[in-house]
C-alpha atoms as a PDB file:
ATOM      1  CA  MET A   1       0.000   0.000   0.000  1.00  0.00           C
ATOM      2  CA  PHE A   2       1.061   3.548  -0.682  1.00  0.00           C
ATOM      3  CA  TYR A   3       0.621   5.777   2.364  1.00  0.00           C
ATOM      4  CA  LEU A   4      -0.569   9.351   2.274  1.00  0.00           C
ATOM      5  CA  LEU A   5      -1.099  11.527   5.326  1.00  0.00           C
ATOM      6  CA  LEU A   6      -2.952  14.754   4.737  1.00  0.00           C
ATOM      7  CA  VAL A   7      -2.437  17.360   7.404  1.00  0.00           C
ATOM      8  CA  LEU A   8      -5.615  19.352   7.057  1.00  0.00           C
ATOM      9  CA  TYR A   9      -4.453  22.770   8.150  1.00  0.00           C
ATOM     10  CA  GLY A  10      -1.119  22.769   6.344  1.00  0.00           C
ATOM     11  CA  LYS A  11      -2.409  20.701   3.419  1.00  0.00           C
ATOM     12  CA  LYS A  12       0.793  18.686   3.429  1.00  0.00           C
ATOM     13  CA  ALA A  13       1.117  14.998   2.735  1.00  0.00           C
ATOM     14  CA  THR A  14       3.681  12.425   3.671  1.00  0.00           C
ATOM     15  CA  GLN A  15       4.387   9.041   2.203  1.00  0.00           C
ATOM     16  CA  GLY A  16       5.074   5.727   3.901  1.00  0.00           C
ATOM     17  CA  CYS A  17       8.850   5.837   3.554  1.00  0.00           C
ATOM     18  CA  PRO A  18      11.679   8.220   2.617  1.00  0.00           C
ATOM     19  CA  CYS A  19      11.759   7.210  -1.064  1.00  0.00           C
ATOM     20  CA  GLY A  20       7.960   7.288  -1.480  1.00  0.00           C
ATOM     21  CA  TYR A  21       7.623   3.906  -3.171  1.00  0.00           C
ATOM     22  CA  LEU A  22       6.645   1.724  -0.194  1.00  0.00           C
ATOM     23  CA  GLY A  23       3.852  -0.653  -1.163  1.00  0.00           C
ATOM     24  CA  ASP A  24       3.163   0.823  -4.593  1.00  0.00           C
ATOM     25  CA  GLY A  25       3.614  -2.525  -6.337  1.00  0.00           C
ATOM     26  CA  SER A  26       6.626  -1.421  -8.373  1.00  0.00           C
ATOM     27  CA  GLU A  27       9.156  -2.945  -5.939  1.00  0.00           C
ATOM     28  CA  ARG A  28      11.267   0.212  -6.312  1.00  0.00           C
ATOM     29  CA  CYS A  29      11.372   0.809  -2.516  1.00  0.00           C
ATOM     30  CA  ARG A  30      14.722  -0.156  -1.040  1.00  0.00           C
ATOM     31  CA  CYS A  31      14.181   1.438   2.379  1.00  0.00           C
ATOM     32  CA  SER A  32      15.043  -0.703   5.386  1.00  0.00           C
ATOM     33  CA  ILE A  33      12.498  -1.345   8.123  1.00  0.00           C
ATOM     34  CA  GLU A  34      14.589   0.845  10.427  1.00  0.00           C
ATOM     35  CA  GLN A  35      14.548   3.728   7.899  1.00  0.00           C
ATOM     36  CA  ILE A  36      10.775   3.422   7.554  1.00  0.00           C
ATOM     37  CA  LYS A  37      10.292   3.428  11.349  1.00  0.00           C
ATOM     38  CA  ARG A  38      12.506   6.511  11.756  1.00  0.00           C
ATOM     39  CA  TYR A  39      10.668   8.265   8.912  1.00  0.00           C
ATOM     40  CA  ARG A  40       7.228   7.552  10.373  1.00  0.00           C
ATOM     41  CA  ASN A  41       8.274   8.494  13.909  1.00  0.00           C
ATOM     42  CA  ARG A  42       8.888  12.044  12.702  1.00  0.00           C
ATOM     43  CA  ILE A  43       5.121  12.497  13.006  1.00  0.00           C
ATOM     44  CA  SER A  44       4.429  12.913  16.696  1.00  0.00           C
ATOM     45  CA  GLY A  45       1.553  11.172  18.459  1.00  0.00           C
ATOM     46  CA  PRO A  46       0.003  14.459  19.634  1.00  0.00           C
ATOM     47  CA  LEU A  47      -0.003  15.713  16.028  1.00  0.00           C
ATOM     48  CA  LEU A  48      -1.630  12.500  14.782  1.00  0.00           C
ATOM     49  CA  ASP A  49      -4.271  12.833  17.509  1.00  0.00           C
ATOM     50  CA  ARG A  50      -5.309  16.178  16.012  1.00  0.00           C
ATOM     51  CA  ILE A  51      -5.938  14.701  12.562  1.00  0.00           C
ATOM     52  CA  ASP A  52      -9.409  13.211  12.196  1.00  0.00           C
ATOM     53  CA  MET A  53      -8.561  10.702   9.501  1.00  0.00           C
ATOM     54  CA  HIS A  54      -5.356   9.138   8.209  1.00  0.00           C
ATOM     55  CA  VAL A  55      -5.838   6.594   5.471  1.00  0.00           C
ATOM     56  CA  GLU A  56      -3.896   4.557   2.966  1.00  0.00           C
ATOM     57  CA  VAL A  57      -4.290   5.621  -0.626  1.00  0.00           C
ATOM     58  CA  PRO A  58      -3.039   2.889  -2.943  1.00  0.00           C
ATOM     59  CA  ARG A  59      -1.165   4.011  -6.004  1.00  0.00           C
ATOM     60  CA  GLN A  60      -3.255   2.949  -8.987  1.00  0.00           C
ATOM     61  CA  PRO A  61      -1.945   2.553 -12.501  1.00  0.00           C
ATOM     62  CA  ILE A  62      -3.871   4.653 -14.966  1.00  0.00           C
ATOM     63  CA  ASP A  63      -5.893   2.636 -17.446  1.00  0.00           C
ATOM     64  CA  PHE A  64      -6.520   5.034 -20.313  1.00  0.00           C
ATOM     65  CA  ASP A  65      -8.724   2.492 -22.084  1.00  0.00           C
ATOM     66  CA  GLU A  66     -11.247   2.402 -19.253  1.00  0.00           C
ATOM     67  CA  SER A  67     -13.917   5.033 -19.165  1.00  0.00           C
ATOM     68  CA  ALA A  68     -13.398   7.565 -16.386  1.00  0.00           C
ATOM     69  CA  ALA A  69     -17.134   7.769 -15.802  1.00  0.00           C
ATOM     70  CA  SER A  70     -18.088   4.393 -14.405  1.00  0.00           C
ATOM     71  CA  ALA A  71     -21.761   3.492 -14.154  1.00  0.00           C
ATOM     72  CA  GLU A  72     -21.111   2.416 -10.552  1.00  0.00           C
ATOM     73  CA  ALA A  73     -19.458   5.663  -9.456  1.00  0.00           C
ATOM     74  CA  GLU A  74     -21.488   8.206  -7.532  1.00  0.00           C
ATOM     75  CA  SER A  75     -21.493  11.597  -9.212  1.00  0.00           C
ATOM     76  CA  SER A  76     -19.848  14.602  -7.590  1.00  0.00           C
ATOM     77  CA  GLN A  77     -23.206  16.356  -7.566  1.00  0.00           C
ATOM     78  CA  SER A  78     -24.789  13.460  -5.672  1.00  0.00           C
ATOM     79  CA  VAL A  79     -21.963  13.421  -3.121  1.00  0.00           C
ATOM     80  CA  SER A  80     -22.228  17.194  -2.732  1.00  0.00           C
ATOM     81  CA  GLN A  81     -25.962  16.916  -2.062  1.00  0.00           C
ATOM     82  CA  ARG A  82     -25.440  14.200   0.561  1.00  0.00           C
ATOM     83  CA  VAL A  83     -22.805  16.323   2.300  1.00  0.00           C
ATOM     84  CA  ALA A  84     -25.083  19.387   2.263  1.00  0.00           C
ATOM     85  CA  LEU A  85     -27.922  17.322   3.771  1.00  0.00           C
ATOM     86  CA  ALA A  86     -25.589  15.943   6.450  1.00  0.00           C
ATOM     87  CA  ILE A  87     -24.507  19.482   7.356  1.00  0.00           C
ATOM     88  CA  GLU A  88     -28.164  20.545   7.558  1.00  0.00           C
ATOM     89  CA  ARG A  89     -28.866  17.610   9.917  1.00  0.00           C
ATOM     90  CA  GLN A  90     -25.954  18.641  12.113  1.00  0.00           C
ATOM     91  CA  HIS A  91     -27.102  22.255  12.325  1.00  0.00           C
ATOM     92  CA  ALA A  92     -30.710  21.224  13.027  1.00  0.00           C
ATOM     93  CA  ARG A  93     -29.567  18.920  15.838  1.00  0.00           C
ATOM     94  CA  GLN A  94     -26.838  20.974  17.507  1.00  0.00           C
ATOM     95  CA  HIS A  95     -26.518  24.346  15.684  1.00  0.00           C
ATOM     96  CA  LYS A  96     -22.958  23.555  14.549  1.00  0.00           C
ATOM     97  CA  ARG A  97     -20.962  20.942  12.677  1.00  0.00           C
ATOM     98  CA  ASN A  98     -19.813  17.750  14.368  1.00  0.00           C
ATOM     99  CA  GLN A  99     -16.169  18.798  14.138  1.00  0.00           C
ATOM    100  CA  SER A 100     -16.891  21.702  16.504  1.00  0.00           C
ATOM    101  CA  LEU A 101     -18.540  19.684  19.272  1.00  0.00           C
ATOM    102  CA  ASP A 102     -16.852  19.690  22.653  1.00  0.00           C
ATOM    103  CA  VAL A 103     -16.828  16.640  24.927  1.00  0.00           C
ATOM    104  CA  ARG A 104     -20.070  17.563  26.724  1.00  0.00           C
ATOM    105  CA  GLU A 105     -21.846  18.146  23.416  1.00  0.00           C
ATOM    106  CA  LEU A 106     -20.536  14.841  22.082  1.00  0.00           C
ATOM    107  CA  GLU A 107     -22.151  13.039  25.012  1.00  0.00           C
ATOM    108  CA  CYS A 108     -25.447  14.692  24.172  1.00  0.00           C
ATOM    109  CA  HIS A 109     -25.489  14.583  20.364  1.00  0.00           C
ATOM    110  CA  ALA A 110     -23.328  11.586  19.481  1.00  0.00           C
ATOM    111  CA  GLN A 111     -24.974   8.751  21.365  1.00  0.00           C
ATOM    112  CA  ALA A 112     -23.867   5.277  20.372  1.00  0.00           C
ATOM    113  CA  ASP A 113     -25.612   2.006  21.150  1.00  0.00           C
ATOM    114  CA  GLN A 114     -24.014  -0.492  23.562  1.00  0.00           C
ATOM    115  CA  PRO A 115     -22.351  -2.707  20.911  1.00  0.00           C
ATOM    116  CA  SER A 116     -20.817   0.427  19.384  1.00  0.00           C
ATOM    117  CA  ARG A 117     -19.478   1.613  22.739  1.00  0.00           C
ATOM    118  CA  ASN A 118     -18.025  -1.859  23.368  1.00  0.00           C
ATOM    119  CA  LEU A 119     -16.325  -1.843  19.968  1.00  0.00           C
ATOM    120  CA  LEU A 120     -14.847   1.604  20.590  1.00  0.00           C
ATOM    121  CA  ARG A 121     -13.670   0.602  24.077  1.00  0.00           C
ATOM    122  CA  GLN A 122     -11.935  -2.491  22.664  1.00  0.00           C
ATOM    123  CA  ALA A 123     -10.279  -0.498  19.882  1.00  0.00           C
ATOM    124  CA  THR A 124      -9.132   2.162  22.327  1.00  0.00           C
ATOM    125  CA  GLU A 125      -7.528  -0.430  24.590  1.00  0.00           C
ATOM    126  CA  ARG A 126      -6.008  -2.526  21.786  1.00  0.00           C
ATOM    127  CA  LEU A 127      -4.617   0.453  19.837  1.00  0.00           C
ATOM    128  CA  GLY A 128      -3.682   2.500  22.902  1.00  0.00           C
ATOM    129  CA  LEU A 129      -5.665   5.500  21.675  1.00  0.00           C
ATOM    130  CA  SER A 130      -5.615   8.788  23.539  1.00  0.00           C
ATOM    131  CA  MET A 131      -8.822  10.464  24.673  1.00  0.00           C
ATOM    132  CA  ARG A 132      -8.367  12.984  21.863  1.00  0.00           C
ATOM    133  CA  ALA A 133      -8.270  10.170  19.277  1.00  0.00           C
ATOM    134  CA  TYR A 134     -11.259   8.529  21.005  1.00  0.00           C
ATOM    135  CA  HIS A 135     -13.295  11.731  20.650  1.00  0.00           C
ATOM    136  CA  ARG A 136     -12.183  12.188  17.032  1.00  0.00           C
ATOM    137  CA  ILE A 137     -13.495   8.706  16.240  1.00  0.00           C
ATOM    138  CA  ILE A 138     -16.852   9.585  17.797  1.00  0.00           C
ATOM    139  CA  LYS A 139     -17.070  12.803  15.746  1.00  0.00           C
ATOM    140  CA  VAL A 140     -16.227  10.990  12.513  1.00  0.00           C
ATOM    141  CA  SER A 141     -18.740   8.241  13.412  1.00  0.00           C
ATOM    142  CA  ARG A 142     -21.447  10.854  13.976  1.00  0.00           C
ATOM    143  CA  THR A 143     -20.640  12.372  10.572  1.00  0.00           C
ATOM    144  CA  ILE A 144     -20.780   8.974   8.862  1.00  0.00           C
ATOM    145  CA  ALA A 145     -24.183   8.396  10.499  1.00  0.00           C
ATOM    146  CA  ASP A 146     -25.342  11.835   9.291  1.00  0.00           C
ATOM    147  CA  LEU A 147     -24.253  11.020   5.740  1.00  0.00           C
ATOM    148  CA  GLU A 148     -26.402   7.881   5.941  1.00  0.00           C
ATOM    149  CA  ASP A 149     -29.292   9.777   7.582  1.00  0.00           C
ATOM    150  CA  SER A 150     -29.004   7.543  10.645  1.00  0.00           C
ATOM    151  CA  ARG A 151     -30.357   8.905  13.908  1.00  0.00           C
ATOM    152  CA  GLY A 152     -27.852   7.036  16.056  1.00  0.00           C
ATOM    153  CA  ILE A 153     -24.304   5.810  15.822  1.00  0.00           C
ATOM    154  CA  THR A 154     -23.995   2.076  15.192  1.00  0.00           C
ATOM    155  CA  ALA A 155     -21.081  -0.352  15.363  1.00  0.00           C
ATOM    156  CA  LYS A 156     -20.825  -0.057  11.567  1.00  0.00           C
ATOM    157  CA  HIS A 157     -20.209   3.709  11.864  1.00  0.00           C
ATOM    158  CA  ILE A 158     -17.659   3.240  14.674  1.00  0.00           C
ATOM    159  CA  SER A 159     -15.883   0.510  12.720  1.00  0.00           C
ATOM    160  CA  GLU A 160     -15.610   2.698   9.629  1.00  0.00           C
ATOM    161  CA  ALA A 161     -14.288   5.638  11.671  1.00  0.00           C
ATOM    162  CA  ILE A 162     -11.685   3.420  13.357  1.00  0.00           C
ATOM    163  CA  GLY A 163     -10.630   2.294   9.885  1.00  0.00           C
ATOM    164  CA  TYR A 164      -9.790   5.912   9.081  1.00  0.00           C
ATOM    165  CA  ARG A 165      -7.242   5.979  11.936  1.00  0.00           C
ATOM    166  CA  ARG A 166      -4.615   3.998  10.007  1.00  0.00           C
ATOM    167  CA  LEU A 167      -1.522   5.498  11.618  1.00  0.00           C
ATOM    168  CA  ASP A 168      -2.765   4.644  15.106  1.00  0.00           C
ATOM    169  CA  ARG A 169      -2.213   0.983  14.121  1.00  0.00           C
ATOM    170  CA  ARG A 170       1.387   1.150  12.896  1.00  0.00           C
END
């Protein structure tokens, strides 16, 4: 896999190793495990905690023969409408976006069912997540639920949000 970390405020990205070819399928990466560890440890835990999502983005070869507009792909307009509706739901519920909720507001507006809380507790213990990362997962879960027009947070939403915390599992 090719790694990409987007730091939202600085709009900077980092790759999985110093050469940038780790996991891209080309076998061009010659970085040692120690070099990769040193490279990744440059990103501090407190900084990672402040980033809502860190995901792997696999490098894909471009297939110029395939149509760019797939029948299965959701259109940008459709995605934009779903996002706008999710933002409306957030404002109707709490008069602000999920990203701006403090801990007290999260307890009120981001209720999860018992299986979801159990899943999040297990992930927190297994991954050694900080409270900041824990709260980020809840916010992202609430947003995923809003995008699906779900009133509550389910284990599916929590699981997806945990999946977006890739660098917590290194």
